[in-house]
Amino acid sequence: MHISLTPELESRVKAKVESGLYNNASEVIREALRFMETHEEWINEIKLARLREQLQIGVDQLDRGQGIKIESKKGLDRLFDAVRGDL
């Protein structure tokens, strides 16, 4: 496999190799890809935690009787339209 890098990225890869931390450019790229995967996992965990928090807020509101009863698809569409308007 061959990849193309911008001059700036190529310089950064060369600097990592020259620092002695890596033996070659392939090691730098492999490490960067591993870091990217770990970063994506962290982001997904954060998003999932936020979703759980929001779900718990909704459940708590329902438990306090603060829910909204939706009786039709049209009513649900109106609710979603209102939520989109708040974004």
C-alpha atoms as a PDB file:
ATOM      1  CA  MET A   1       0.000   0.000   0.000  1.00  0.00           C
ATOM      2  CA  HIS A   2       1.207   3.476  -0.808  1.00  0.00           C
ATOM      3  CA  ILE A   3      -0.100   6.647   0.766  1.00  0.00           C
ATOM      4  CA  SER A   4       0.365  10.315  -0.018  1.00  0.00           C
ATOM      5  CA  LEU A   5       0.938  12.868   2.703  1.00  0.00           C
ATOM      6  CA  THR A   6       0.978  16.620   2.616  1.00  0.00           C
ATOM      7  CA  PRO A   7       4.458  18.101   3.024  1.00  0.00           C
ATOM      8  CA  GLU A   8       3.563  19.140   6.574  1.00  0.00           C
ATOM      9  CA  LEU A   9       2.457  15.636   7.577  1.00  0.00           C
ATOM     10  CA  GLU A  10       5.467  14.073   5.902  1.00  0.00           C
ATOM     11  CA  SER A  11       7.706  16.426   7.888  1.00  0.00           C
ATOM     12  CA  ARG A  12       5.970  15.452  11.119  1.00  0.00           C
ATOM     13  CA  VAL A  13       6.414  11.738  10.391  1.00  0.00           C
ATOM     14  CA  LYS A  14      10.119  12.270   9.583  1.00  0.00           C
ATOM     15  CA  ALA A  15      10.560  14.247  12.804  1.00  0.00           C
ATOM     16  CA  LYS A  16       9.108  11.375  14.829  1.00  0.00           C
ATOM     17  CA  VAL A  17      11.511   8.923  13.205  1.00  0.00           C
ATOM     18  CA  GLU A  18      14.455  11.296  13.693  1.00  0.00           C
ATOM     19  CA  SER A  19      13.541  11.661  17.380  1.00  0.00           C
ATOM     20  CA  GLY A  20      14.435   8.007  17.853  1.00  0.00           C
ATOM     21  CA  LEU A  21      11.022   7.044  19.179  1.00  0.00           C
ATOM     22  CA  TYR A  22      10.237   5.122  15.989  1.00  0.00           C
ATOM     23  CA  ASN A  23      12.422   3.097  13.642  1.00  0.00           C
ATOM     24  CA  ASN A  24      10.600   4.080  10.458  1.00  0.00           C
ATOM     25  CA  ALA A  25       7.609   5.892   8.999  1.00  0.00           C
ATOM     26  CA  SER A  26       5.447   2.751   9.050  1.00  0.00           C
ATOM     27  CA  GLU A  27       5.741   2.567  12.837  1.00  0.00           C
ATOM     28  CA  VAL A  28       4.647   6.196  13.134  1.00  0.00           C
ATOM     29  CA  ILE A  29       1.609   5.611  10.918  1.00  0.00           C
ATOM     30  CA  ARG A  30       0.635   2.408  12.760  1.00  0.00           C
ATOM     31  CA  GLU A  31       0.861   4.200  16.105  1.00  0.00           C
ATOM     32  CA  ALA A  32      -1.221   7.099  14.771  1.00  0.00           C
ATOM     33  CA  LEU A  33      -3.904   4.675  13.552  1.00  0.00           C
ATOM     34  CA  ARG A  34      -3.980   2.888  16.924  1.00  0.00           C
ATOM     35  CA  PHE A  35      -4.346   6.239  18.666  1.00  0.00           C
ATOM     36  CA  MET A  36      -7.160   7.204  16.292  1.00  0.00           C
ATOM     37  CA  GLU A  37      -9.046   3.983  17.096  1.00  0.00           C
ATOM     38  CA  THR A  38      -8.645   4.586  20.833  1.00  0.00           C
ATOM     39  CA  HIS A  39      -9.801   8.185  20.437  1.00  0.00           C
ATOM     40  CA  GLU A  40     -12.905   7.042  18.530  1.00  0.00           C
ATOM     41  CA  GLU A  41     -13.700   4.553  21.312  1.00  0.00           C
ATOM     42  CA  TRP A  42     -13.447   7.342  23.928  1.00  0.00           C
ATOM     43  CA  ILE A  43     -15.718   9.608  21.899  1.00  0.00           C
ATOM     44  CA  ASN A  44     -18.291   6.831  21.506  1.00  0.00           C
ATOM     45  CA  GLU A  45     -18.197   6.127  25.256  1.00  0.00           C
ATOM     46  CA  ILE A  46     -18.731   9.823  26.008  1.00  0.00           C
ATOM     47  CA  LYS A  47     -21.660  10.010  23.580  1.00  0.00           C
ATOM     48  CA  LEU A  48     -23.205   6.883  25.087  1.00  0.00           C
ATOM     49  CA  ALA A  49     -22.827   8.269  28.616  1.00  0.00           C
ATOM     50  CA  ARG A  50     -24.521  11.531  27.580  1.00  0.00           C
ATOM     51  CA  LEU A  51     -27.351   9.603  25.940  1.00  0.00           C
ATOM     52  CA  ARG A  52     -27.847   7.563  29.122  1.00  0.00           C
ATOM     53  CA  GLU A  53     -27.955  10.783  31.158  1.00  0.00           C
ATOM     54  CA  GLN A  54     -30.597  12.259  28.866  1.00  0.00           C
ATOM     55  CA  LEU A  55     -32.643   9.056  28.973  1.00  0.00           C
ATOM     56  CA  GLN A  56     -32.519   9.087  32.778  1.00  0.00           C
ATOM     57  CA  ILE A  57     -33.712  12.698  32.819  1.00  0.00           C
ATOM     58  CA  GLY A  58     -36.648  11.646  30.626  1.00  0.00           C
ATOM     59  CA  VAL A  59     -37.482   8.669  32.818  1.00  0.00           C
ATOM     60  CA  ASP A  60     -37.345  10.874  35.932  1.00  0.00           C
ATOM     61  CA  GLN A  61     -39.679  13.389  34.276  1.00  0.00           C
ATOM     62  CA  LEU A  62     -42.117  10.605  33.380  1.00  0.00           C
ATOM     63  CA  ASP A  63     -41.985   9.306  36.953  1.00  0.00           C
ATOM     64  CA  ARG A  64     -42.976  12.806  38.152  1.00  0.00           C
ATOM     65  CA  GLY A  65     -45.903  12.870  35.736  1.00  0.00           C
ATOM     66  CA  GLN A  66     -44.282  15.446  33.470  1.00  0.00           C
ATOM     67  CA  GLY A  67     -44.649  13.402  30.296  1.00  0.00           C
ATOM     68  CA  ILE A  68     -46.568  14.418  27.188  1.00  0.00           C
ATOM     69  CA  LYS A  69     -49.144  11.964  25.885  1.00  0.00           C
ATOM     70  CA  ILE A  70     -48.906  11.485  22.121  1.00  0.00           C
ATOM     71  CA  GLU A  71     -51.973   9.855  20.611  1.00  0.00           C
ATOM     72  CA  SER A  72     -51.270   9.961  16.882  1.00  0.00           C
ATOM     73  CA  LYS A  73     -48.538  10.084  14.287  1.00  0.00           C
ATOM     74  CA  LYS A  74     -49.534  13.668  13.553  1.00  0.00           C
ATOM     75  CA  GLY A  75     -49.010  14.563  17.209  1.00  0.00           C
ATOM     76  CA  LEU A  76     -45.603  12.898  17.163  1.00  0.00           C
ATOM     77  CA  ASP A  77     -44.671  14.789  13.993  1.00  0.00           C
ATOM     78  CA  ARG A  78     -45.649  18.078  15.670  1.00  0.00           C
ATOM     79  CA  LEU A  79     -43.472  17.232  18.661  1.00  0.00           C
ATOM     80  CA  PHE A  80     -40.474  16.460  16.440  1.00  0.00           C
ATOM     81  CA  ASP A  81     -41.054  19.662  14.457  1.00  0.00           C
ATOM     82  CA  ALA A  82     -41.076  21.644  17.714  1.00  0.00           C
ATOM     83  CA  VAL A  83     -37.857  19.971  18.892  1.00  0.00           C
ATOM     84  CA  ARG A  84     -36.166  20.689  15.565  1.00  0.00           C
ATOM     85  CA  GLY A  85     -37.221  24.301  15.886  1.00  0.00           C
ATOM     86  CA  ASP A  86     -35.386  24.493  19.231  1.00  0.00           C
ATOM     87  CA  LEU A  87     -32.134  23.289  17.677  1.00  0.00           C
END
